[in-house]
Amino acid sequence: MYKTLLPIWTKNYESNNSKSNFTNDIKISFGQELVEKMSENEFTIGKTFKIKSQLLGESRDLNIYLPLGYTQDSLKTYPVIYLLYGSKDEDFILVSGIVQFGSFSWINIIPETIIVGIENLDRKRDFTYPSQNKLDQNEFPTSGKS
């Protein structure tokens, strides 16, 4: 068993209204008991593919989210969002979750969408233009290769 400190604050207010029975009372409770882990499940929102880029001379992970109904209707077309900061540690899970939620039939604020998250290995190299500034070149030696 683990204990954690979770303060619980409640306050009842005394009222000048004679119909109210509230009194001024503050309660603080610490030390909620947490149960032991009963089960463990996978948390999956997509698939990861590793590709080797001959142009870049390195491998990249592509994280792919497919809408829930994607395999049921192969003739249906879907918009695609490409995330340049698309690793699992960057924006992939957040954006995929928002798209999934927004495309539920009872929400229906965006269409079912495919998300392609491209892992970034060196954002200074991949997303900056060449600079002739010596300070840029010294502080960011890998920059300017986009």
N, C-alpha and C. Protein backbone atom coordinates (compact mmCIF):
# COMPACT_ATOMS: atom_id res chain seq x y z
N MET A 1 0.83 -1.19 0.00
CA MET A 1 0.00 0.00 0.00
C MET A 1 0.88 1.25 0.00
N TYR A 2 0.41 2.25 -0.72
CA TYR A 2 1.10 3.53 -0.76
C TYR A 2 0.20 4.58 -0.13
N LYS A 3 0.83 5.57 0.46
CA LYS A 3 0.07 6.69 0.98
C LYS A 3 0.50 7.94 0.23
N THR A 4 -0.45 8.76 -0.05
CA THR A 4 -0.15 10.04 -0.67
C THR A 4 -0.89 11.11 0.11
N LEU A 5 -0.34 12.30 0.10
CA LEU A 5 -0.98 13.39 0.82
C LEU A 5 -1.87 14.17 -0.14
N LEU A 6 -3.14 14.03 0.04
CA LEU A 6 -4.12 14.74 -0.78
C LEU A 6 -4.97 15.60 0.15
N PRO A 7 -4.71 16.89 0.24
CA PRO A 7 -5.53 17.71 1.13
C PRO A 7 -6.96 17.83 0.59
N ILE A 8 -7.89 17.70 1.47
CA ILE A 8 -9.30 17.87 1.12
C ILE A 8 -9.83 19.01 1.95
N TRP A 9 -10.24 20.07 1.30
CA TRP A 9 -10.71 21.26 1.99
C TRP A 9 -12.22 21.38 1.84
N THR A 10 -12.89 21.55 2.93
CA THR A 10 -14.32 21.86 2.88
C THR A 10 -14.56 23.02 3.82
N LYS A 11 -15.50 23.84 3.50
CA LYS A 11 -15.81 24.98 4.35
C LYS A 11 -17.30 25.23 4.30
N ASN A 12 -17.90 25.29 5.44
CA ASN A 12 -19.30 25.65 5.56
C ASN A 12 -19.36 27.07 6.10
N TYR A 13 -20.23 27.87 5.55
CA TYR A 13 -20.31 29.27 5.94
C TYR A 13 -21.51 29.52 6.82
N GLU A 14 -21.30 30.36 7.84
CA GLU A 14 -22.40 30.78 8.70
C GLU A 14 -23.11 31.91 7.99
N SER A 15 -24.40 31.88 8.02
CA SER A 15 -25.19 32.88 7.32
C SER A 15 -25.97 33.70 8.32
N ASN A 16 -26.18 34.95 7.99
CA ASN A 16 -27.02 35.81 8.82
C ASN A 16 -28.49 35.46 8.65
N ASN A 17 -28.77 34.68 7.63
CA ASN A 17 -30.13 34.26 7.36
C ASN A 17 -30.54 33.23 8.41
N SER A 18 -31.60 33.48 9.12
CA SER A 18 -32.03 32.60 10.21
C SER A 18 -32.48 31.24 9.70
N LYS A 19 -32.75 31.12 8.40
CA LYS A 19 -33.19 29.84 7.84
C LYS A 19 -32.00 28.90 7.57
N SER A 20 -30.77 29.42 7.63
CA SER A 20 -29.59 28.62 7.33
C SER A 20 -29.06 27.97 8.61
N ASN A 21 -28.64 26.72 8.50
CA ASN A 21 -28.08 26.00 9.64
C ASN A 21 -26.57 25.78 9.50
N PHE A 22 -25.92 26.50 8.56
CA PHE A 22 -24.50 26.29 8.33
C PHE A 22 -23.67 26.93 9.43
N THR A 23 -22.55 26.31 9.78
CA THR A 23 -21.60 26.89 10.72
C THR A 23 -20.25 26.98 10.04
N ASN A 24 -19.36 27.78 10.57
CA ASN A 24 -18.03 27.95 10.01
C ASN A 24 -17.17 26.77 10.44
N ASP A 25 -16.84 25.87 9.52
CA ASP A 25 -16.13 24.64 9.86
C ASP A 25 -15.14 24.33 8.74
N ILE A 26 -13.88 24.16 9.07
CA ILE A 26 -12.87 23.80 8.08
C ILE A 26 -12.34 22.42 8.43
N LYS A 27 -12.32 21.52 7.45
CA LYS A 27 -11.82 20.16 7.66
C LYS A 27 -10.65 19.92 6.71
N ILE A 28 -9.58 19.33 7.21
CA ILE A 28 -8.44 18.97 6.38
C ILE A 28 -8.16 17.50 6.61
N SER A 29 -8.03 16.75 5.52
CA SER A 29 -7.77 15.32 5.63
C SER A 29 -6.53 14.99 4.80
N PHE A 30 -5.60 14.23 5.37
CA PHE A 30 -4.39 13.82 4.67
C PHE A 30 -4.25 12.30 4.73
N GLY A 31 -3.56 11.74 3.75
CA GLY A 31 -3.19 10.34 3.80
C GLY A 31 -4.19 9.38 3.22
N GLN A 32 -4.55 9.57 1.97
CA GLN A 32 -5.48 8.65 1.31
C GLN A 32 -4.75 7.36 0.95
N GLU A 33 -5.37 6.23 1.23
CA GLU A 33 -4.80 4.93 0.89
C GLU A 33 -5.00 4.66 -0.60
N LEU A 34 -3.95 4.24 -1.29
CA LEU A 34 -4.03 3.86 -2.69
C LEU A 34 -3.94 2.34 -2.78
N VAL A 35 -4.73 1.77 -3.66
CA VAL A 35 -4.73 0.31 -3.82
C VAL A 35 -3.54 -0.14 -4.64
N GLU A 36 -3.17 -1.40 -4.48
CA GLU A 36 -2.10 -1.96 -5.29
C GLU A 36 -2.58 -2.16 -6.72
N LYS A 37 -1.64 -2.17 -7.67
CA LYS A 37 -1.97 -2.34 -9.08
C LYS A 37 -2.64 -3.70 -9.28
N MET A 38 -3.80 -3.68 -9.93
CA MET A 38 -4.53 -4.91 -10.18
C MET A 38 -4.30 -5.46 -11.57
N SER A 39 -4.06 -4.56 -12.54
CA SER A 39 -3.84 -5.02 -13.90
C SER A 39 -3.05 -3.97 -14.66
N GLU A 40 -2.57 -4.38 -15.81
CA GLU A 40 -1.81 -3.49 -16.67
C GLU A 40 -2.23 -3.76 -18.10
N ASN A 41 -2.49 -2.69 -18.88
CA ASN A 41 -2.92 -2.83 -20.27
C ASN A 41 -2.05 -1.96 -21.16
N GLU A 42 -2.00 -2.32 -22.42
CA GLU A 42 -1.31 -1.50 -23.41
C GLU A 42 -2.07 -0.20 -23.63
N PHE A 43 -1.34 0.86 -23.91
CA PHE A 43 -1.93 2.15 -24.27
C PHE A 43 -1.53 2.40 -25.71
N THR A 44 -2.43 2.15 -26.65
CA THR A 44 -2.10 2.22 -28.07
C THR A 44 -2.99 3.23 -28.76
N ILE A 45 -2.38 4.13 -29.49
CA ILE A 45 -3.17 5.09 -30.27
C ILE A 45 -2.77 5.02 -31.74
N GLY A 46 -1.77 4.21 -32.06
CA GLY A 46 -1.35 4.11 -33.45
C GLY A 46 -0.26 3.07 -33.62
N LYS A 47 0.46 3.18 -34.72
CA LYS A 47 1.56 2.27 -35.02
C LYS A 47 2.80 3.09 -35.34
N THR A 48 3.95 2.48 -35.09
CA THR A 48 5.23 3.12 -35.38
C THR A 48 5.96 2.29 -36.42
N PHE A 49 6.44 2.97 -37.46
CA PHE A 49 7.23 2.34 -38.51
C PHE A 49 8.59 3.01 -38.55
N LYS A 50 9.63 2.23 -38.69
CA LYS A 50 10.98 2.79 -38.83
C LYS A 50 11.35 2.73 -40.30
N ILE A 51 11.79 3.86 -40.84
CA ILE A 51 12.21 3.90 -42.24
C ILE A 51 13.66 4.38 -42.29
N LYS A 52 14.35 3.96 -43.32
CA LYS A 52 15.72 4.41 -43.56
C LYS A 52 15.70 5.38 -44.72
N SER A 53 16.15 6.60 -44.47
CA SER A 53 16.20 7.62 -45.51
C SER A 53 17.58 7.64 -46.15
N GLN A 54 17.62 7.36 -47.45
CA GLN A 54 18.90 7.44 -48.16
C GLN A 54 19.34 8.89 -48.29
N LEU A 55 18.39 9.80 -48.48
CA LEU A 55 18.72 11.21 -48.63
C LEU A 55 19.32 11.78 -47.35
N LEU A 56 18.74 11.45 -46.20
CA LEU A 56 19.24 11.96 -44.92
C LEU A 56 20.37 11.10 -44.36
N GLY A 57 20.45 9.86 -44.82
CA GLY A 57 21.46 8.95 -44.31
C GLY A 57 21.20 8.54 -42.87
N GLU A 58 19.93 8.44 -42.49
CA GLU A 58 19.57 8.06 -41.12
C GLU A 58 18.18 7.44 -41.10
N SER A 59 17.85 6.83 -39.98
CA SER A 59 16.53 6.23 -39.81
C SER A 59 15.61 7.22 -39.09
N ARG A 60 14.33 7.14 -39.42
CA ARG A 60 13.31 7.96 -38.77
C ARG A 60 12.14 7.08 -38.39
N ASP A 61 11.52 7.40 -37.27
CA ASP A 61 10.27 6.75 -36.89
C ASP A 61 9.11 7.55 -37.44
N LEU A 62 8.15 6.86 -38.04
CA LEU A 62 6.89 7.46 -38.45
C LEU A 62 5.82 6.89 -37.54
N ASN A 63 5.09 7.76 -36.87
CA ASN A 63 3.98 7.35 -36.02
C ASN A 63 2.70 7.62 -36.79
N ILE A 64 1.87 6.59 -36.93
CA ILE A 64 0.67 6.69 -37.75
C ILE A 64 -0.57 6.44 -36.89
N TYR A 65 -1.50 7.37 -36.96
CA TYR A 65 -2.82 7.19 -36.35
C TYR A 65 -3.83 7.03 -37.47
N LEU A 66 -4.61 5.96 -37.41
CA LEU A 66 -5.68 5.73 -38.38
C LEU A 66 -7.02 5.84 -37.66
N PRO A 67 -8.01 6.47 -38.27
CA PRO A 67 -9.34 6.55 -37.65
C PRO A 67 -9.90 5.17 -37.36
N LEU A 68 -10.76 5.09 -36.38
CA LEU A 68 -11.32 3.80 -35.95
C LEU A 68 -11.97 3.03 -37.09
N GLY A 69 -12.65 3.68 -37.99
CA GLY A 69 -13.33 2.99 -39.08
C GLY A 69 -12.49 2.84 -40.34
N TYR A 70 -11.21 3.11 -40.29
CA TYR A 70 -10.37 3.13 -41.49
C TYR A 70 -10.39 1.82 -42.26
N THR A 71 -10.27 0.69 -41.62
CA THR A 71 -10.18 -0.58 -42.34
C THR A 71 -11.54 -1.09 -42.82
N GLN A 72 -12.63 -0.51 -42.34
CA GLN A 72 -13.95 -1.00 -42.69
C GLN A 72 -14.41 -0.56 -44.08
N ASP A 73 -13.93 0.56 -44.56
CA ASP A 73 -14.38 1.08 -45.85
C ASP A 73 -13.15 1.54 -46.64
N SER A 74 -12.62 0.69 -47.48
CA SER A 74 -11.38 1.02 -48.19
C SER A 74 -11.58 2.06 -49.29
N LEU A 75 -12.80 2.38 -49.65
CA LEU A 75 -13.05 3.38 -50.70
C LEU A 75 -13.16 4.79 -50.14
N LYS A 76 -13.31 4.92 -48.86
CA LYS A 76 -13.44 6.23 -48.23
C LYS A 76 -12.08 6.93 -48.22
N THR A 77 -12.09 8.23 -48.47
CA THR A 77 -10.85 9.01 -48.42
C THR A 77 -10.81 9.81 -47.11
N TYR A 78 -9.60 10.09 -46.65
CA TYR A 78 -9.40 10.78 -45.38
C TYR A 78 -8.41 11.91 -45.57
N PRO A 79 -8.61 13.03 -44.90
CA PRO A 79 -7.57 14.05 -44.88
C PRO A 79 -6.38 13.53 -44.06
N VAL A 80 -5.20 14.08 -44.32
CA VAL A 80 -3.99 13.66 -43.61
C VAL A 80 -3.33 14.89 -42.99
N ILE A 81 -2.94 14.76 -41.74
CA ILE A 81 -2.16 15.80 -41.06
C ILE A 81 -0.75 15.25 -40.87
N TYR A 82 0.25 16.00 -41.35
CA TYR A 82 1.64 15.62 -41.18
C TYR A 82 2.24 16.46 -40.06
N LEU A 83 2.73 15.79 -39.02
CA LEU A 83 3.34 16.48 -37.89
C LEU A 83 4.86 16.41 -38.00
N LEU A 84 5.50 17.57 -38.15
CA LEU A 84 6.95 17.58 -38.24
C LEU A 84 7.59 17.32 -36.88
N TYR A 85 6.89 17.63 -35.81
CA TYR A 85 7.31 17.27 -34.46
C TYR A 85 6.43 16.11 -34.02
N GLY A 86 6.54 14.99 -34.70
CA GLY A 86 5.57 13.93 -34.55
C GLY A 86 6.02 12.70 -33.79
N SER A 87 7.04 12.82 -32.96
CA SER A 87 7.43 11.64 -32.18
C SER A 87 6.46 11.44 -31.02
N LYS A 88 6.56 10.29 -30.39
CA LYS A 88 5.69 10.00 -29.25
C LYS A 88 5.98 10.95 -28.09
N ASP A 89 7.19 11.49 -28.04
CA ASP A 89 7.55 12.41 -26.96
C ASP A 89 7.24 13.86 -27.33
N GLU A 90 6.75 14.10 -28.52
CA GLU A 90 6.44 15.47 -28.93
C GLU A 90 4.92 15.59 -29.06
N ASP A 91 4.41 15.91 -30.25
CA ASP A 91 3.00 16.25 -30.41
C ASP A 91 2.09 15.13 -30.90
N PHE A 92 2.63 13.97 -31.23
CA PHE A 92 1.82 12.92 -31.85
C PHE A 92 0.64 12.49 -30.98
N ILE A 93 0.88 12.16 -29.74
CA ILE A 93 -0.20 11.66 -28.87
C ILE A 93 -1.25 12.75 -28.64
N LEU A 94 -0.81 13.97 -28.41
CA LEU A 94 -1.74 15.08 -28.18
C LEU A 94 -2.64 15.32 -29.39
N VAL A 95 -2.04 15.48 -30.55
CA VAL A 95 -2.82 15.79 -31.76
C VAL A 95 -3.71 14.61 -32.15
N SER A 96 -3.19 13.39 -32.06
CA SER A 96 -4.01 12.21 -32.38
C SER A 96 -5.21 12.10 -31.45
N GLY A 97 -5.00 12.37 -30.17
CA GLY A 97 -6.11 12.32 -29.22
C GLY A 97 -7.16 13.37 -29.49
N ILE A 98 -6.72 14.58 -29.85
CA ILE A 98 -7.67 15.65 -30.17
C ILE A 98 -8.46 15.30 -31.43
N VAL A 99 -7.77 14.78 -32.44
CA VAL A 99 -8.45 14.39 -33.69
C VAL A 99 -9.42 13.25 -33.43
N GLN A 100 -8.99 12.26 -32.67
CA GLN A 100 -9.87 11.14 -32.36
C GLN A 100 -11.12 11.63 -31.64
N PHE A 101 -10.96 12.45 -30.62
CA PHE A 101 -12.10 12.95 -29.87
C PHE A 101 -13.01 13.81 -30.75
N GLY A 102 -12.41 14.72 -31.50
CA GLY A 102 -13.20 15.63 -32.33
C GLY A 102 -13.96 14.96 -33.46
N SER A 103 -13.53 13.75 -33.83
CA SER A 103 -14.21 13.06 -34.93
C SER A 103 -15.20 12.00 -34.44
N PHE A 104 -15.36 11.85 -33.13
CA PHE A 104 -16.42 10.95 -32.64
C PHE A 104 -17.75 11.44 -33.19
N SER A 105 -18.64 10.51 -33.52
CA SER A 105 -19.91 10.87 -34.16
C SER A 105 -20.75 11.81 -33.30
N TRP A 106 -20.65 11.71 -32.00
CA TRP A 106 -21.46 12.58 -31.13
C TRP A 106 -20.80 13.94 -30.89
N ILE A 107 -19.54 14.09 -31.30
CA ILE A 107 -18.84 15.38 -31.22
C ILE A 107 -18.86 16.02 -32.61
N ASN A 108 -18.28 15.31 -33.60
CA ASN A 108 -18.32 15.66 -35.01
C ASN A 108 -17.93 17.11 -35.33
N ILE A 109 -16.77 17.54 -34.78
CA ILE A 109 -16.31 18.89 -35.11
C ILE A 109 -15.19 18.88 -36.16
N ILE A 110 -14.61 17.71 -36.39
CA ILE A 110 -13.61 17.56 -37.46
C ILE A 110 -13.83 16.21 -38.13
N PRO A 111 -13.43 16.08 -39.38
CA PRO A 111 -13.62 14.78 -40.05
C PRO A 111 -12.62 13.75 -39.52
N GLU A 112 -12.94 12.48 -39.72
CA GLU A 112 -11.97 11.44 -39.40
C GLU A 112 -10.71 11.72 -40.22
N THR A 113 -9.56 11.66 -39.57
CA THR A 113 -8.32 12.12 -40.18
C THR A 113 -7.19 11.15 -39.87
N ILE A 114 -6.29 10.97 -40.82
CA ILE A 114 -5.07 10.20 -40.61
C ILE A 114 -3.99 11.16 -40.12
N ILE A 115 -3.24 10.74 -39.11
CA ILE A 115 -2.13 11.55 -38.59
C ILE A 115 -0.83 10.82 -38.89
N VAL A 116 0.11 11.52 -39.50
CA VAL A 116 1.45 10.98 -39.74
C VAL A 116 2.43 11.85 -38.96
N GLY A 117 2.99 11.27 -37.91
CA GLY A 117 3.97 11.99 -37.09
C GLY A 117 5.37 11.58 -37.49
N ILE A 118 6.19 12.56 -37.87
CA ILE A 118 7.55 12.29 -38.30
C ILE A 118 8.49 12.66 -37.15
N GLU A 119 9.21 11.66 -36.67
CA GLU A 119 10.14 11.90 -35.57
C GLU A 119 11.23 12.87 -36.02
N ASN A 120 11.56 13.79 -35.15
CA ASN A 120 12.60 14.76 -35.43
C ASN A 120 13.83 14.42 -34.61
N LEU A 121 14.98 14.34 -35.24
CA LEU A 121 16.21 13.99 -34.52
C LEU A 121 17.04 15.21 -34.16
N ASP A 122 17.06 16.22 -35.01
CA ASP A 122 17.85 17.43 -34.77
C ASP A 122 17.09 18.60 -35.36
N ARG A 123 16.25 19.23 -34.56
CA ARG A 123 15.38 20.27 -35.09
C ARG A 123 16.14 21.50 -35.57
N LYS A 124 17.27 21.80 -34.98
CA LYS A 124 18.06 22.94 -35.45
C LYS A 124 18.58 22.68 -36.87
N ARG A 125 18.99 21.46 -37.12
CA ARG A 125 19.46 21.08 -38.46
C ARG A 125 18.32 21.04 -39.46
N ASP A 126 17.20 20.41 -39.05
CA ASP A 126 16.12 20.13 -39.99
C ASP A 126 15.20 21.31 -40.28
N PHE A 127 15.14 22.30 -39.38
CA PHE A 127 14.14 23.35 -39.53
C PHE A 127 14.71 24.77 -39.58
N THR A 128 16.00 24.92 -39.76
CA THR A 128 16.56 26.27 -39.84
C THR A 128 17.26 26.46 -41.17
N TYR A 129 17.29 27.70 -41.61
CA TYR A 129 17.94 28.05 -42.87
C TYR A 129 19.42 28.33 -42.60
N PRO A 130 20.26 28.25 -43.62
CA PRO A 130 21.68 28.55 -43.42
C PRO A 130 21.89 30.00 -42.99
N SER A 131 22.77 30.16 -42.02
CA SER A 131 23.07 31.50 -41.52
C SER A 131 24.55 31.79 -41.71
N GLN A 132 24.85 33.02 -42.09
CA GLN A 132 26.24 33.46 -42.21
C GLN A 132 26.72 34.12 -40.92
N ASN A 133 25.81 34.24 -39.95
CA ASN A 133 26.13 34.87 -38.68
C ASN A 133 27.03 33.94 -37.87
N LYS A 134 28.21 34.43 -37.47
CA LYS A 134 29.18 33.62 -36.74
C LYS A 134 28.64 33.15 -35.39
N LEU A 135 27.85 33.99 -34.71
CA LEU A 135 27.26 33.61 -33.43
C LEU A 135 26.31 32.43 -33.62
N ASP A 136 25.46 32.49 -34.66
CA ASP A 136 24.57 31.36 -34.97
C ASP A 136 25.37 30.09 -35.23
N GLN A 137 26.42 30.21 -36.02
CA GLN A 137 27.22 29.04 -36.37
C GLN A 137 27.93 28.45 -35.16
N ASN A 138 28.35 29.32 -34.21
CA ASN A 138 29.03 28.82 -33.01
C ASN A 138 28.06 28.21 -32.01
N GLU A 139 26.90 28.87 -31.80
CA GLU A 139 25.95 28.40 -30.79
C GLU A 139 25.09 27.24 -31.30
N PHE A 140 24.87 27.17 -32.61
CA PHE A 140 24.05 26.13 -33.20
C PHE A 140 24.78 25.49 -34.37
N PRO A 141 25.81 24.70 -34.09
CA PRO A 141 26.68 24.19 -35.18
C PRO A 141 25.97 23.26 -36.17
N THR A 142 24.88 22.64 -35.76
CA THR A 142 24.19 21.73 -36.69
C THR A 142 23.09 22.45 -37.49
N SER A 143 22.87 23.73 -37.23
CA SER A 143 21.75 24.43 -37.89
C SER A 143 22.04 24.73 -39.35
N GLY A 144 20.95 25.08 -40.04
CA GLY A 144 21.07 25.56 -41.40
C GLY A 144 21.09 24.52 -42.49
N LYS A 145 20.57 23.36 -42.24
CA LYS A 145 20.62 22.30 -43.26
C LYS A 145 19.24 22.00 -43.86
N SER A 146 18.25 22.85 -43.58
CA SER A 146 16.91 22.54 -44.09
C SER A 146 16.81 22.82 -45.57
